[in-house]
Amino acid sequence: MNTSTPTLAATAAPRTTVTFWQRALRHRSFVIGGVLTLLLLLAALLSFVWTPWSPYEMNMAVKLQGPSAQHWLGTDAYGRDVASLLLVGARASILVGIIAVGIGLIGGTALGLLAAARRGWTEEIVMRLTDFSLAFPAILLAIMMTAVFGPGMVNAIIAIGINYIPIFARVTRAAANAVWAREYVAAARACGRGPWAITFGHVLPNVSTVLLVQATIYFAIAILAEAALSYLGLGTQPPQPSWGRMLSEAQTLMFQQPLLAVWPGLAIAFAVLGLNLMGDGLRDLLDPRLARAR
């Protein structure tokens, strides 16, 4: 009779995966945030293949119309379809968020790991550089870059990304220092493993969940920053649609067509809310202590 049973390694991974998703589906913040984030992604993807009207087509004969069967959310001061502008504007928000967070995540993680691995004067220099960088908010940095290179989405992305580097560096350094104090890292050092082997073999995998949560939260802040920069005329430039510029154009038309400010405002609010809720949910789900408490 064959009495062999599956090994623990073969059964542990599927059971852990199912447990994670079972907890995720019971987590209200994660579910609501995930749905809102999915809607944002679907809106951006849909705009590549279909929009109700061309977002670049102007028709002054139908300007400032309210919602109707032809124009579901109405038209703006140039007769463009607001629903189409919102769909295409989601692309700019996601693009800025992905690239800006990517710049901050890569640069900040590298500096944070370096500071935690080398310590001493290296850590002191990295931390003082981050202190200096944090003195310049993203909007101020964008204004400085605009004065030199001119306004545009690329400059807005660079400004936001550079502003994120010290933030991710500090988060990475704090999480990495906690890992370096663990017993298994001391055992690895006793076995003769070098600082970089320990960094990539032990430290980075153990801080990746913290970085994932931070990236999700700062993705939302990047969307808000892009909207603010576009509102000031420093971000996405015409004719490319942008939620922030839609708000800027609507502010002079509040008494003629107040809904022009409502739609992009709601889009920004729901996008930021969704990413923040999903980030909070990921933090709860990926933290073993919070997971056991739930």
Protein backbone atom coordinates (compact mmCIF):
# COMPACT_ATOMS: atom_id res chain seq x y z
CA MET A 1 0.00 0.00 0.00
CA ASN A 2 1.30 3.45 -0.91
CA THR A 3 0.99 5.61 2.19
CA SER A 4 3.02 8.53 0.91
CA THR A 5 1.62 11.97 1.67
CA PRO A 6 2.35 15.33 0.06
CA THR A 7 5.29 17.12 1.56
CA LEU A 8 4.85 20.22 3.67
CA ALA A 9 6.65 22.36 1.06
CA ALA A 10 4.22 21.23 -1.62
CA THR A 11 1.11 22.13 0.35
CA ALA A 12 2.17 25.21 2.27
CA ALA A 13 2.37 27.64 -0.66
CA PRO A 14 -1.17 27.08 -2.05
CA ARG A 15 -2.67 27.19 1.43
CA THR A 16 -0.90 30.51 2.18
CA THR A 17 -2.07 32.02 -1.13
CA VAL A 18 -5.68 31.03 -0.54
CA THR A 19 -5.54 32.37 2.99
CA PHE A 20 -4.17 35.71 1.81
CA TRP A 21 -6.90 36.19 -0.79
CA GLN A 22 -9.57 35.04 1.62
CA ARG A 23 -8.42 37.70 4.08
CA ALA A 24 -8.13 40.25 1.26
CA LEU A 25 -11.72 39.68 0.15
CA ARG A 26 -12.89 40.18 3.75
CA HIS A 27 -10.90 43.40 4.12
CA ARG A 28 -13.32 46.22 3.38
CA SER A 29 -10.72 48.93 2.68
CA PHE A 30 -8.73 46.70 0.34
CA VAL A 31 -11.82 45.63 -1.62
CA ILE A 32 -13.20 49.17 -2.01
CA GLY A 33 -9.76 50.55 -2.88
CA GLY A 34 -9.11 47.73 -5.33
CA VAL A 35 -12.42 48.32 -7.12
CA LEU A 36 -11.79 52.07 -7.43
CA THR A 37 -8.22 51.49 -8.63
CA LEU A 38 -9.41 48.90 -11.14
CA LEU A 39 -11.96 51.39 -12.50
CA LEU A 40 -9.16 53.95 -12.93
CA LEU A 41 -7.04 51.45 -14.86
CA LEU A 42 -9.98 50.33 -16.98
CA ALA A 43 -10.83 53.95 -17.84
CA ALA A 44 -7.26 54.58 -19.01
CA LEU A 45 -7.14 51.34 -21.02
CA LEU A 46 -10.56 51.93 -22.54
CA SER A 47 -9.49 55.37 -23.78
CA PHE A 48 -6.88 53.74 -26.05
CA VAL A 49 -9.54 51.88 -28.03
CA TRP A 50 -12.77 53.88 -27.54
CA THR A 51 -14.10 57.23 -26.34
CA PRO A 52 -17.63 58.61 -26.88
CA TRP A 53 -16.18 61.51 -28.89
CA SER A 54 -12.72 62.65 -29.90
CA PRO A 55 -11.22 64.49 -26.90
CA TYR A 56 -9.45 66.85 -29.30
CA GLU A 57 -12.49 67.76 -31.43
CA MET A 58 -13.89 71.22 -30.74
CA ASN A 59 -17.47 72.22 -31.60
CA MET A 60 -18.38 75.70 -30.40
CA ALA A 61 -22.02 75.13 -31.40
CA VAL A 62 -22.50 72.75 -28.45
CA LYS A 63 -20.25 74.38 -25.84
CA LEU A 64 -21.20 74.39 -22.15
CA GLN A 65 -24.03 71.90 -22.54
CA GLY A 66 -25.23 69.82 -19.61
CA PRO A 67 -25.42 66.01 -19.54
CA SER A 68 -27.45 64.59 -22.41
CA ALA A 69 -27.87 61.43 -24.48
CA GLN A 70 -25.19 62.65 -26.91
CA HIS A 71 -22.75 64.00 -24.31
CA TRP A 72 -23.17 61.97 -21.14
CA LEU A 73 -21.35 64.44 -18.87
CA GLY A 74 -21.85 67.55 -20.98
CA THR A 75 -19.35 69.65 -22.94
CA ASP A 76 -16.72 72.20 -21.96
CA ALA A 77 -16.11 75.79 -23.12
CA TYR A 78 -14.71 74.51 -26.43
CA GLY A 79 -17.49 72.04 -27.12
CA ARG A 80 -15.36 68.99 -26.27
CA ASP A 81 -17.01 65.96 -24.69
CA VAL A 82 -16.26 65.91 -20.96
CA ALA A 83 -16.57 62.11 -20.62
CA SER A 84 -13.95 61.64 -23.34
CA LEU A 85 -11.65 64.16 -21.67
CA LEU A 86 -11.95 62.30 -18.35
CA LEU A 87 -11.16 58.94 -19.94
CA VAL A 88 -8.08 60.21 -21.75
CA GLY A 89 -7.03 62.30 -18.74
CA ALA A 90 -6.75 59.09 -16.71
CA ARG A 91 -3.77 58.14 -18.90
CA ALA A 92 -1.77 61.17 -17.78
CA SER A 93 -2.51 60.50 -14.11
CA ILE A 94 -1.44 56.85 -14.32
CA LEU A 95 1.64 57.61 -16.44
CA VAL A 96 2.86 60.29 -14.04
CA GLY A 97 2.16 58.04 -11.05
CA ILE A 98 3.99 55.01 -12.45
CA ILE A 99 7.11 56.84 -13.66
CA ALA A 100 7.38 59.24 -10.71
CA VAL A 101 6.94 56.46 -8.14
CA GLY A 102 9.38 54.31 -10.14
CA ILE A 103 12.03 57.05 -10.01
CA GLY A 104 11.52 57.55 -6.29
CA LEU A 105 11.36 53.82 -5.54
CA ILE A 106 14.52 52.87 -7.45
CA GLY A 107 16.61 55.85 -6.34
CA GLY A 108 15.34 55.91 -2.77
CA THR A 109 15.64 52.16 -2.24
CA ALA A 110 19.22 52.17 -3.50
CA LEU A 111 20.20 55.02 -1.17
CA GLY A 112 18.35 53.52 1.80
CA LEU A 113 19.97 50.11 1.36
CA LEU A 114 23.38 51.74 0.95
CA ALA A 115 22.94 53.75 4.15
CA ALA A 116 21.83 50.68 6.13
CA ALA A 117 24.59 48.45 4.76
CA ARG A 118 27.53 50.82 5.14
CA ARG A 119 26.44 52.85 8.20
CA GLY A 120 28.88 55.41 9.61
CA TRP A 121 29.68 58.46 7.48
CA THR A 122 27.93 56.95 4.44
CA GLU A 123 24.64 56.78 6.31
CA GLU A 124 25.17 60.31 7.65
CA ILE A 125 25.78 61.74 4.17
CA VAL A 126 22.72 60.00 2.71
CA MET A 127 20.47 61.19 5.52
CA ARG A 128 21.71 64.78 5.30
CA LEU A 129 21.14 64.76 1.53
CA THR A 130 17.58 63.56 2.08
CA ASP A 131 17.04 66.32 4.65
CA PHE A 132 18.21 68.88 2.09
CA SER A 133 16.01 67.40 -0.66
CA LEU A 134 12.90 67.40 1.54
CA ALA A 135 13.24 71.17 1.90
CA PHE A 136 12.08 71.51 -1.72
CA PRO A 137 8.45 70.40 -2.27
CA ALA A 138 7.50 68.91 -5.63
CA ILE A 139 5.59 72.02 -6.70
CA LEU A 140 8.52 74.31 -5.87
CA LEU A 141 10.91 72.00 -7.71
CA ALA A 142 8.54 71.95 -10.70
CA ILE A 143 8.42 75.75 -10.75
CA MET A 144 12.23 75.86 -10.74
CA MET A 145 12.44 73.32 -13.57
CA THR A 146 9.74 75.14 -15.53
CA ALA A 147 11.70 78.37 -15.30
CA VAL A 148 14.70 76.62 -16.88
CA PHE A 149 13.23 74.01 -19.24
CA GLY A 150 9.61 75.15 -19.71
CA PRO A 151 6.34 73.52 -18.55
CA GLY A 152 5.39 69.97 -19.50
CA MET A 153 4.52 66.49 -18.30
CA VAL A 154 8.13 65.28 -18.42
CA ASN A 155 9.32 68.05 -16.10
CA ALA A 156 6.40 67.37 -13.75
CA ILE A 157 7.28 63.66 -13.62
CA ILE A 158 10.95 64.41 -12.92
CA ALA A 159 10.06 66.93 -10.21
CA ILE A 160 7.69 64.53 -8.44
CA GLY A 161 10.09 61.59 -8.82
CA ILE A 162 13.05 63.52 -7.41
CA ASN A 163 10.88 64.64 -4.51
CA TYR A 164 10.05 60.97 -3.76
CA ILE A 165 13.68 59.76 -3.65
CA PRO A 166 14.44 61.03 -0.10
CA ILE A 167 11.08 59.78 1.15
CA PHE A 168 11.70 56.23 -0.08
CA ALA A 169 15.33 56.45 1.10
CA ARG A 170 14.23 57.18 4.66
CA VAL A 171 11.57 54.45 4.66
CA THR A 172 14.01 51.90 3.21
CA ARG A 173 16.79 52.81 5.62
CA ALA A 174 14.51 52.51 8.68
CA ALA A 175 13.09 49.14 7.56
CA ALA A 176 16.53 47.84 6.54
CA ASN A 177 18.11 48.80 9.88
CA ALA A 178 15.43 46.74 11.64
CA VAL A 179 16.29 43.73 9.44
CA TRP A 180 20.03 44.16 10.01
CA ALA A 181 19.39 43.77 13.76
CA ARG A 182 17.75 40.33 13.32
CA GLU A 183 19.42 37.10 14.43
CA TYR A 184 19.43 35.47 10.99
CA VAL A 185 21.41 38.41 9.59
CA ALA A 186 23.93 38.04 12.41
CA ALA A 187 24.16 34.34 11.57
CA ALA A 188 24.75 35.16 7.90
CA ARG A 189 27.53 37.57 8.85
CA ALA A 190 29.08 34.91 11.10
CA CYS A 191 29.10 32.57 8.12
CA GLY A 192 31.22 35.05 6.19
CA ARG A 193 28.61 36.59 3.89
CA GLY A 194 29.42 40.11 2.78
CA PRO A 195 27.19 43.18 3.28
CA TRP A 196 25.87 43.22 -0.30
CA ALA A 197 25.10 39.50 -0.30
CA ILE A 198 23.13 40.01 2.92
CA THR A 199 21.46 43.14 1.51
CA PHE A 200 20.12 41.40 -1.59
CA GLY A 201 19.61 37.99 0.01
CA HIS A 202 17.97 38.97 3.30
CA VAL A 203 17.35 42.70 3.69
CA LEU A 204 15.72 43.62 0.37
CA PRO A 205 13.21 40.71 0.37
CA ASN A 206 12.15 41.61 3.92
CA VAL A 207 11.61 45.32 3.21
CA SER A 208 9.84 44.79 -0.12
CA THR A 209 6.37 44.63 1.46
CA VAL A 210 6.93 47.96 3.21
CA LEU A 211 8.07 49.50 -0.08
CA LEU A 212 5.04 48.07 -1.90
CA VAL A 213 2.65 49.71 0.54
CA GLN A 214 4.52 53.01 0.36
CA ALA A 215 4.56 52.90 -3.45
CA THR A 216 0.78 52.44 -3.52
CA ILE A 217 0.18 55.36 -1.18
CA TYR A 218 2.60 57.68 -2.98
CA PHE A 219 1.07 56.72 -6.31
CA ALA A 220 -2.07 58.45 -5.04
CA ILE A 221 -0.05 61.49 -3.95
CA ALA A 222 1.60 61.60 -7.40
CA ILE A 223 -1.82 61.77 -9.06
CA LEU A 224 -2.76 64.63 -6.75
CA ALA A 225 0.56 66.40 -7.42
CA GLU A 226 0.14 66.05 -11.19
CA ALA A 227 -3.35 67.52 -10.97
CA ALA A 228 -2.02 70.43 -8.88
CA LEU A 229 0.82 71.11 -11.30
CA SER A 230 -1.51 70.94 -14.30
CA TYR A 231 -3.93 73.26 -12.50
CA LEU A 232 -1.08 75.77 -12.18
CA GLY A 233 -0.13 75.30 -15.84
CA LEU A 234 3.12 73.50 -15.05
CA GLY A 235 2.10 69.92 -15.81
CA THR A 236 0.42 68.30 -18.80
CA GLN A 237 0.09 70.82 -21.62
CA PRO A 238 -2.68 71.24 -24.24
CA PRO A 239 -4.00 69.56 -26.25
CA GLN A 240 -3.38 66.51 -24.02
CA PRO A 241 -6.31 66.25 -21.55
CA SER A 242 -5.55 66.48 -17.85
CA TRP A 243 -7.87 66.42 -14.85
CA GLY A 244 -6.00 69.27 -13.17
CA ARG A 245 -6.22 71.51 -16.23
CA MET A 246 -9.91 70.68 -16.58
CA LEU A 247 -10.38 72.07 -13.07
CA SER A 248 -8.36 75.16 -13.96
CA GLU A 249 -10.46 75.82 -17.07
CA ALA A 250 -13.69 75.25 -15.14
CA GLN A 251 -13.00 77.77 -12.37
CA THR A 252 -14.02 80.74 -14.55
CA LEU A 253 -17.24 79.00 -15.58
CA MET A 254 -18.63 78.05 -12.17
CA PHE A 255 -21.81 80.10 -12.61
CA GLN A 256 -22.37 79.11 -16.24
CA GLN A 257 -21.72 75.37 -15.95
CA PRO A 258 -20.71 74.25 -12.40
CA LEU A 259 -20.62 70.57 -13.39
CA LEU A 260 -17.41 71.20 -15.35
CA ALA A 261 -15.55 71.38 -12.03
CA VAL A 262 -17.50 68.52 -10.42
CA TRP A 263 -16.51 65.74 -12.85
CA PRO A 264 -12.69 66.11 -12.78
CA GLY A 265 -12.85 66.81 -9.04
CA LEU A 266 -14.70 63.54 -8.47
CA ALA A 267 -12.28 61.67 -10.74
CA ILE A 268 -9.27 62.91 -8.75
CA ALA A 269 -11.00 62.25 -5.41
CA PHE A 270 -12.01 58.68 -6.27
CA ALA A 271 -8.59 57.84 -7.78
CA VAL A 272 -6.73 59.11 -4.70
CA LEU A 273 -9.24 57.51 -2.31
CA GLY A 274 -9.02 54.15 -4.07
CA LEU A 275 -5.22 54.01 -4.00
CA ASN A 276 -5.07 55.14 -0.37
CA LEU A 277 -7.62 52.54 0.72
CA MET A 278 -5.80 49.82 -1.21
CA GLY A 279 -2.49 50.88 0.36
CA ASP A 280 -4.00 50.75 3.84
CA GLY A 281 -5.45 47.34 3.06
CA LEU A 282 -2.12 46.02 1.79
CA ARG A 283 -0.41 47.29 4.94
CA ASP A 284 -2.90 45.37 7.11
CA LEU A 285 -2.72 42.23 5.00
CA LEU A 286 1.08 42.08 4.62
CA ASP A 287 1.92 42.90 8.25
CA PRO A 288 1.95 39.56 10.12
CA ARG A 289 0.99 41.19 13.44
CA LEU A 290 -2.01 42.99 11.96
CA ALA A 291 -2.97 39.87 10.00
CA ARG A 292 -3.05 37.77 13.19
CA ALA A 293 -5.05 40.46 14.97
CA ARG A 294 -7.70 40.37 12.26
